[in-house]
C-alpha atoms as a PDB file:
ATOM      1  CA  UNK A   1     286.146  99.675 157.002  1.00  0.00           C
ATOM      2  CA  UNK A   2     282.658  98.716 155.851  1.00  0.00           C
ATOM      3  CA  UNK A   3     282.947  97.809 152.172  1.00  0.00           C
ATOM      4  CA  UNK A   4     279.212  97.317 151.642  1.00  0.00           C
ATOM      5  CA  UNK A   5     277.625  99.747 149.147  1.00  0.00           C
ATOM      6  CA  UNK A   6     275.748 102.635 150.750  1.00  0.00           C
ATOM      7  CA  UNK A   7     272.392 101.421 149.385  1.00  0.00           C
ATOM      8  CA  UNK A   8     272.892  98.037 151.103  1.00  0.00           C
ATOM      9  CA  UNK A   9     273.919  99.705 154.383  1.00  0.00           C
ATOM     10  CA  UNK A  10     270.782 101.852 154.178  1.00  0.00           C
ATOM     11  CA  UNK A  11     268.666  98.755 153.577  1.00  0.00           C
ATOM     12  CA  UNK A  12     270.258  97.036 156.558  1.00  0.00           C
ATOM     13  CA  UNK A  13     269.612 100.079 158.763  1.00  0.00           C
ATOM     14  CA  UNK A  14     265.976 100.120 157.618  1.00  0.00           C
ATOM     15  CA  UNK A  15     265.591  96.444 158.568  1.00  0.00           C
ATOM     16  CA  UNK A  16     267.091  96.993 162.020  1.00  0.00           C
ATOM     17  CA  UNK A  17     264.860 100.029 162.620  1.00  0.00           C
ATOM     18  CA  UNK A  18     261.718  98.193 161.500  1.00  0.00           C
ATOM     19  CA  UNK A  19     262.159  95.356 163.970  1.00  0.00           C
ATOM     20  CA  UNK A  20     263.482  97.396 166.904  1.00  0.00           C
ATOM     21  CA  UNK A  21     260.859 100.122 166.442  1.00  0.00           C
ATOM     22  CA  UNK A  22     257.869  97.807 166.100  1.00  0.00           C
ATOM     23  CA  UNK A  23     258.898  94.683 168.012  1.00  0.00           C
ATOM     24  CA  UNK A  24     261.663  95.429 170.499  1.00  0.00           C
ATOM     25  CA  UNK A  25     260.681  98.773 172.056  1.00  0.00           C
ATOM     26  CA  UNK A  26     257.573 100.465 173.380  1.00  0.00           C
ATOM     27  CA  UNK A  27     256.774 103.716 171.552  1.00  0.00           C
ATOM     28  CA  UNK A  28     254.220 106.325 172.510  1.00  0.00           C
ATOM     29  CA  UNK A  29     251.776 107.855 170.049  1.00  0.00           C
ATOM     30  CA  UNK A  30     253.510 111.195 170.523  1.00  0.00           C
ATOM     31  CA  UNK A  31     256.863 109.701 169.458  1.00  0.00           C
ATOM     32  CA  UNK A  32     255.354 107.979 166.405  1.00  0.00           C
ATOM     33  CA  UNK A  33     253.681 111.198 165.256  1.00  0.00           C
ATOM     34  CA  UNK A  34     256.712 113.439 165.850  1.00  0.00           C
ATOM     35  CA  UNK A  35     257.111 115.397 162.612  1.00  0.00           C
ATOM     36  CA  UNK A  36     260.848 115.535 162.235  1.00  0.00           C
ATOM     37  CA  UNK A  37     262.761 114.671 159.099  1.00  0.00           C
ATOM     38  CA  UNK A  38     264.347 111.611 160.673  1.00  0.00           C
ATOM     39  CA  UNK A  39     261.104 110.220 162.044  1.00  0.00           C
ATOM     40  CA  UNK A  40     259.493 110.807 158.665  1.00  0.00           C
ATOM     41  CA  UNK A  41     262.301 108.933 156.894  1.00  0.00           C
ATOM     42  CA  UNK A  42     262.106 106.103 159.425  1.00  0.00           C
ATOM     43  CA  UNK A  43     258.354 105.848 158.921  1.00  0.00           C
ATOM     44  CA  UNK A  44     258.737 105.655 155.135  1.00  0.00           C
ATOM     45  CA  UNK A  45     261.518 103.082 155.466  1.00  0.00           C
ATOM     46  CA  UNK A  46     259.328 100.981 157.763  1.00  0.00           C
ATOM     47  CA  UNK A  47     256.590 100.929 155.135  1.00  0.00           C
ATOM     48  CA  UNK A  48     259.081  99.680 152.552  1.00  0.00           C
ATOM     49  CA  UNK A  49     260.435  96.951 154.834  1.00  0.00           C
ATOM     50  CA  UNK A  50     256.894  95.934 155.762  1.00  0.00           C
ATOM     51  CA  UNK A  51     255.973  95.563 152.088  1.00  0.00           C
ATOM     52  CA  UNK A  52     258.957  93.271 151.521  1.00  0.00           C
ATOM     53  CA  UNK A  53     258.239  91.187 154.614  1.00  0.00           C
ATOM     54  CA  UNK A  54     254.574  90.826 153.621  1.00  0.00           C
ATOM     55  CA  UNK A  55     255.643  88.617 150.716  1.00  0.00           C
ATOM     56  CA  UNK A  56     258.051  86.365 152.609  1.00  0.00           C
ATOM     57  CA  UNK A  57     257.510  82.769 153.682  1.00  0.00           C
ATOM     58  CA  UNK A  58     257.087  81.689 157.309  1.00  0.00           C
ATOM     59  CA  UNK A  59     260.718  80.540 157.427  1.00  0.00           C
ATOM     60  CA  UNK A  60     261.963  83.802 155.916  1.00  0.00           C
ATOM     61  CA  UNK A  61     260.023  85.798 158.522  1.00  0.00           C
ATOM     62  CA  UNK A  62     261.645  83.730 161.280  1.00  0.00           C
ATOM     63  CA  UNK A  63     265.047  84.429 159.740  1.00  0.00           C
ATOM     64  CA  UNK A  64     264.497  88.183 159.420  1.00  0.00           C
ATOM     65  CA  UNK A  65     263.074  88.510 162.932  1.00  0.00           C
ATOM     66  CA  UNK A  66     265.865  86.420 164.417  1.00  0.00           C
ATOM     67  CA  UNK A  67     268.602  88.248 162.544  1.00  0.00           C
ATOM     68  CA  UNK A  68     267.418  91.861 162.824  1.00  0.00           C
ATOM     69  CA  UNK A  69     265.436  91.874 166.058  1.00  0.00           C
ATOM     70  CA  UNK A  70     267.128  89.202 168.189  1.00  0.00           C
ATOM     71  CA  UNK A  71     270.618  89.562 166.647  1.00  0.00           C
ATOM     72  CA  UNK A  72     270.925  85.798 166.211  1.00  0.00           C
ATOM     73  CA  UNK A  73     273.924  84.512 164.280  1.00  0.00           C
ATOM     74  CA  UNK A  74     273.707  82.652 160.991  1.00  0.00           C
ATOM     75  CA  UNK A  75     274.797  79.501 162.837  1.00  0.00           C
ATOM     76  CA  UNK A  76     271.969  79.843 165.385  1.00  0.00           C
ATOM     77  CA  UNK A  77     269.419  80.467 162.656  1.00  0.00           C
ATOM     78  CA  UNK A  78     270.810  77.621 160.581  1.00  0.00           C
ATOM     79  CA  UNK A  79     270.194  75.198 163.446  1.00  0.00           C
ATOM     80  CA  UNK A  80     266.718  76.619 164.036  1.00  0.00           C
ATOM     81  CA  UNK A  81     265.623  76.533 160.377  1.00  0.00           C
ATOM     82  CA  UNK A  82     267.680  73.552 159.191  1.00  0.00           C
ATOM     83  CA  UNK A  83     269.124  75.627 156.356  1.00  0.00           C
ATOM     84  CA  UNK A  84     272.834  75.975 155.593  1.00  0.00           C
ATOM     85  CA  UNK A  85     274.321  79.344 156.659  1.00  0.00           C
ATOM     86  CA  UNK A  86     275.266  80.025 153.022  1.00  0.00           C
ATOM     87  CA  UNK A  87     271.613  79.720 152.077  1.00  0.00           C
ATOM     88  CA  UNK A  88     270.645  82.142 154.830  1.00  0.00           C
ATOM     89  CA  UNK A  89     273.268  84.609 153.628  1.00  0.00           C
ATOM     90  CA  UNK A  90     271.705  84.428 150.163  1.00  0.00           C
ATOM     91  CA  UNK A  91     268.355  85.225 151.779  1.00  0.00           C
ATOM     92  CA  UNK A  92     269.928  88.210 153.497  1.00  0.00           C
ATOM     93  CA  UNK A  93     271.432  89.485 150.249  1.00  0.00           C
ATOM     94  CA  UNK A  94     268.118  89.047 148.423  1.00  0.00           C
ATOM     95  CA  UNK A  95     266.147  91.014 151.020  1.00  0.00           C
ATOM     96  CA  UNK A  96     268.757  93.747 151.353  1.00  0.00           C
ATOM     97  CA  UNK A  97     268.790  94.240 147.578  1.00  0.00           C
ATOM     98  CA  UNK A  98     264.983  94.351 147.389  1.00  0.00           C
ATOM     99  CA  UNK A  99     264.786  96.865 150.230  1.00  0.00           C
ATOM    100  CA  UNK A 100     267.656  98.928 148.825  1.00  0.00           C
ATOM    101  CA  UNK A 101     265.899  99.172 145.461  1.00  0.00           C
ATOM    102  CA  UNK A 102     262.639 100.347 147.028  1.00  0.00           C
ATOM    103  CA  UNK A 103     264.436 102.833 149.285  1.00  0.00           C
ATOM    104  CA  UNK A 104     265.880 104.313 146.098  1.00  0.00           C
ATOM    105  CA  UNK A 105     262.377 104.495 144.544  1.00  0.00           C
ATOM    106  CA  UNK A 106     262.712 101.684 142.051  1.00  0.00           C
ATOM    107  CA  UNK A 107     261.528  98.101 141.765  1.00  0.00           C
ATOM    108  CA  UNK A 108     263.431  95.009 140.711  1.00  0.00           C
ATOM    109  CA  UNK A 109     262.176  92.961 137.760  1.00  0.00           C
ATOM    110  CA  UNK A 110     260.638  90.369 140.086  1.00  0.00           C
ATOM    111  CA  UNK A 111     258.686  93.119 141.845  1.00  0.00           C
ATOM    112  CA  UNK A 112     256.927  94.289 138.689  1.00  0.00           C
ATOM    113  CA  UNK A 113     254.122  91.877 139.638  1.00  0.00           C
ATOM    114  CA  UNK A 114     253.974  92.934 143.290  1.00  0.00           C
ATOM    115  CA  UNK A 115     250.876  94.933 144.106  1.00  0.00           C
ATOM    116  CA  UNK A 116     252.014  95.330 147.739  1.00  0.00           C
ATOM    117  CA  UNK A 117     255.418  96.800 146.904  1.00  0.00           C
ATOM    118  CA  UNK A 118     254.221  99.087 144.129  1.00  0.00           C
ATOM    119  CA  UNK A 119     251.268 100.291 146.229  1.00  0.00           C
ATOM    120  CA  UNK A 120     253.653 101.138 149.049  1.00  0.00           C
ATOM    121  CA  UNK A 121     256.101 102.801 146.663  1.00  0.00           C
ATOM    122  CA  UNK A 122     253.335 104.985 145.206  1.00  0.00           C
ATOM    123  CA  UNK A 123     252.154 105.902 148.705  1.00  0.00           C
ATOM    124  CA  UNK A 124     255.699 106.649 149.908  1.00  0.00           C
ATOM    125  CA  UNK A 125     256.396 108.842 146.891  1.00  0.00           C
ATOM    126  CA  UNK A 126     253.171 110.749 147.502  1.00  0.00           C
ATOM    127  CA  UNK A 127     254.172 111.270 151.140  1.00  0.00           C
ATOM    128  CA  UNK A 128     257.623 112.482 150.113  1.00  0.00           C
ATOM    129  CA  UNK A 129     256.084 114.968 147.704  1.00  0.00           C
ATOM    130  CA  UNK A 130     253.659 116.298 150.318  1.00  0.00           C
ATOM    131  CA  UNK A 131     256.335 116.414 153.017  1.00  0.00           C
ATOM    132  CA  UNK A 132     258.868 118.336 150.952  1.00  0.00           C
ATOM    133  CA  UNK A 133     256.286 120.696 149.497  1.00  0.00           C
ATOM    134  CA  UNK A 134     255.320 121.584 153.050  1.00  0.00           C
ATOM    135  CA  UNK A 135     258.748 121.675 154.724  1.00  0.00           C
ATOM    136  CA  UNK A 136     261.332 122.228 151.997  1.00  0.00           C
ATOM    137  CA  UNK A 137     259.964 123.837 148.867  1.00  0.00           C
ATOM    138  CA  UNK A 138     263.479 124.794 147.801  1.00  0.00           C
ATOM    139  CA  UNK A 139     264.219 121.157 146.940  1.00  0.00           C
ATOM    140  CA  UNK A 140     262.724 121.713 143.481  1.00  0.00           C
ATOM    141  CA  UNK A 141     264.843 119.190 141.583  1.00  0.00           C
ATOM    142  CA  UNK A 142     264.154 116.468 144.144  1.00  0.00           C
ATOM    143  CA  UNK A 143     260.438 117.252 144.128  1.00  0.00           C
ATOM    144  CA  UNK A 144     260.272 117.132 140.341  1.00  0.00           C
ATOM    145  CA  UNK A 145     262.057 113.792 140.316  1.00  0.00           C
ATOM    146  CA  UNK A 146     259.631 112.407 142.913  1.00  0.00           C
ATOM    147  CA  UNK A 147     256.626 113.606 140.893  1.00  0.00           C
ATOM    148  CA  UNK A 148     257.917 111.933 137.733  1.00  0.00           C
ATOM    149  CA  UNK A 149     258.522 108.655 139.582  1.00  0.00           C
ATOM    150  CA  UNK A 150     255.113 108.896 141.237  1.00  0.00           C
ATOM    151  CA  UNK A 151     253.349 109.162 137.860  1.00  0.00           C
ATOM    152  CA  UNK A 152     255.329 106.264 136.412  1.00  0.00           C
ATOM    153  CA  UNK A 153     254.705 103.903 139.299  1.00  0.00           C
ATOM    154  CA  UNK A 154     251.062 104.901 139.451  1.00  0.00           C
ATOM    155  CA  UNK A 155     250.791 103.701 135.841  1.00  0.00           C
ATOM    156  CA  UNK A 156     252.309 100.371 136.874  1.00  0.00           C
ATOM    157  CA  UNK A 157     249.799 100.108 139.694  1.00  0.00           C
ATOM    158  CA  UNK A 158     246.879 100.966 137.402  1.00  0.00           C
ATOM    159  CA  UNK A 159     248.015  98.226 135.042  1.00  0.00           C
ATOM    160  CA  UNK A 160     248.053  95.734 137.917  1.00  0.00           C
ATOM    161  CA  UNK A 161     244.569  96.825 138.985  1.00  0.00           C
ATOM    162  CA  UNK A 162     243.309  96.342 135.419  1.00  0.00           C
ATOM    163  CA  UNK A 163     244.016  92.610 135.792  1.00  0.00           C
ATOM    164  CA  UNK A 164     242.815  92.287 139.378  1.00  0.00           C
ATOM    165  CA  UNK A 165     239.433  93.945 138.872  1.00  0.00           C
ATOM    166  CA  UNK A 166     238.613  93.125 135.270  1.00  0.00           C
ATOM    167  CA  UNK A 167     235.536  91.047 134.474  1.00  0.00           C
ATOM    168  CA  UNK A 168     235.435  88.106 132.055  1.00  0.00           C
ATOM    169  CA  UNK A 169     239.183  87.526 132.083  1.00  0.00           C
ATOM    170  CA  UNK A 170     240.787  85.662 129.212  1.00  0.00           C
ATOM    171  CA  UNK A 171     243.077  82.704 129.897  1.00  0.00           C
ATOM    172  CA  UNK A 172     246.219  84.830 129.604  1.00  0.00           C
ATOM    173  CA  UNK A 173     244.790  87.530 131.879  1.00  0.00           C
ATOM    174  CA  UNK A 174     243.979  84.887 134.489  1.00  0.00           C
ATOM    175  CA  UNK A 175     247.625  83.808 134.476  1.00  0.00           C
ATOM    176  CA  UNK A 176     248.708  87.381 135.189  1.00  0.00           C
ATOM    177  CA  UNK A 177     246.110  87.794 137.922  1.00  0.00           C
ATOM    178  CA  UNK A 178     247.329  84.642 139.672  1.00  0.00           C
ATOM    179  CA  UNK A 179     250.923  85.870 139.427  1.00  0.00           C
ATOM    180  CA  UNK A 180     249.982  89.279 140.895  1.00  0.00           C
ATOM    181  CA  UNK A 181     248.101  87.675 143.785  1.00  0.00           C
ATOM    182  CA  UNK A 182     250.967  85.226 144.380  1.00  0.00           C
ATOM    183  CA  UNK A 183     254.225  86.962 143.338  1.00  0.00           C
ATOM    184  CA  UNK A 184     256.408  84.050 144.484  1.00  0.00           C
ATOM    185  CA  UNK A 185     254.389  81.327 142.789  1.00  0.00           C
ATOM    186  CA  UNK A 186     256.426  78.883 140.697  1.00  0.00           C
ATOM    187  CA  UNK A 187     255.769  77.974 137.075  1.00  0.00           C
ATOM    188  CA  UNK A 188     255.061  74.413 138.203  1.00  0.00           C
ATOM    189  CA  UNK A 189     252.375  75.602 140.617  1.00  0.00           C
ATOM    190  CA  UNK A 190     250.852  77.857 137.950  1.00  0.00           C
ATOM    191  CA  UNK A 191     250.761  74.971 135.487  1.00  0.00           C
ATOM    192  CA  UNK A 192     248.835  72.848 138.017  1.00  0.00           C
ATOM    193  CA  UNK A 193     246.372  75.665 138.762  1.00  0.00           C
ATOM    194  CA  UNK A 194     245.746  76.888 135.205  1.00  0.00           C
ATOM    195  CA  UNK A 195     246.348  73.772 133.141  1.00  0.00           C
ATOM    196  CA  UNK A 196     248.447  75.796 130.694  1.00  0.00           C
ATOM    197  CA  UNK A 197     251.824  74.746 129.351  1.00  0.00           C
ATOM    198  CA  UNK A 198     255.052  76.237 130.653  1.00  0.00           C
ATOM    199  CA  UNK A 199     255.607  78.087 127.379  1.00  0.00           C
ATOM    200  CA  UNK A 200     252.125  79.668 127.508  1.00  0.00           C
ATOM    201  CA  UNK A 201     252.595  80.762 131.104  1.00  0.00           C
ATOM    202  CA  UNK A 202     256.031  82.189 130.340  1.00  0.00           C
ATOM    203  CA  UNK A 203     254.729  84.044 127.279  1.00  0.00           C
ATOM    204  CA  UNK A 204     251.958  85.848 129.171  1.00  0.00           C
ATOM    205  CA  UNK A 205     254.089  86.645 132.219  1.00  0.00           C
ATOM    206  CA  UNK A 206     256.935  87.930 130.064  1.00  0.00           C
ATOM    207  CA  UNK A 207     254.525  90.061 128.002  1.00  0.00           C
ATOM    208  CA  UNK A 208     253.169  91.612 131.201  1.00  0.00           C
ATOM    209  CA  UNK A 209     256.702  92.264 132.432  1.00  0.00           C
ATOM    210  CA  UNK A 210     257.661  93.989 129.168  1.00  0.00           C
ATOM    211  CA  UNK A 211     254.582  96.203 129.339  1.00  0.00           C
ATOM    212  CA  UNK A 212     255.401  97.175 132.918  1.00  0.00           C
ATOM    213  CA  UNK A 213     258.977  98.039 131.911  1.00  0.00           C
ATOM    214  CA  UNK A 214     257.696 100.189 129.063  1.00  0.00           C
ATOM    215  CA  UNK A 215     255.618 102.205 131.536  1.00  0.00           C
ATOM    216  CA  UNK A 216     258.787 103.061 133.421  1.00  0.00           C
END
């Protein structure tokens, strides 16, 4: 019996579909545009997985492709990447949890800075709303929930844009902009780039995070 939570199994299925749909099979335009519920769900899931993969390192991309497209074992990937299998399993868990969160229309704390993931989430929510209004208007509760989430995440995205496109940024705003453009950047790297202390960097990033959480 599979003891994994349903959200993790869904995330795993989305990963497998992404790689096999886009890398391991040849699809026709007619198949891609087929307006069925399942193809719509697969398309939305692919967007989510793509947003997660867009922020991975070169080594993480090799791992994900090897694991979910080529079905390579953790031992094979460990030898290829020179990383212990336990470390690769932690990578797997991290990506599955990130994907699972997005598939359930929410972001993790670390994704509050991610323009890519929030942009995709806003777009996916908009597509869900349009799809269900057209094909299943009886799903009123679901539609209302999607509309509420759409408005909330759009506010998060607007807040991110306010830092990306503002003129004459203050020192603290520059820290946030760098973090948004490089979600996985370390505090050490930010200190080198900005010249600010760790405490200053932490203060501004934490303040931004709290504001994003308040918008939710």
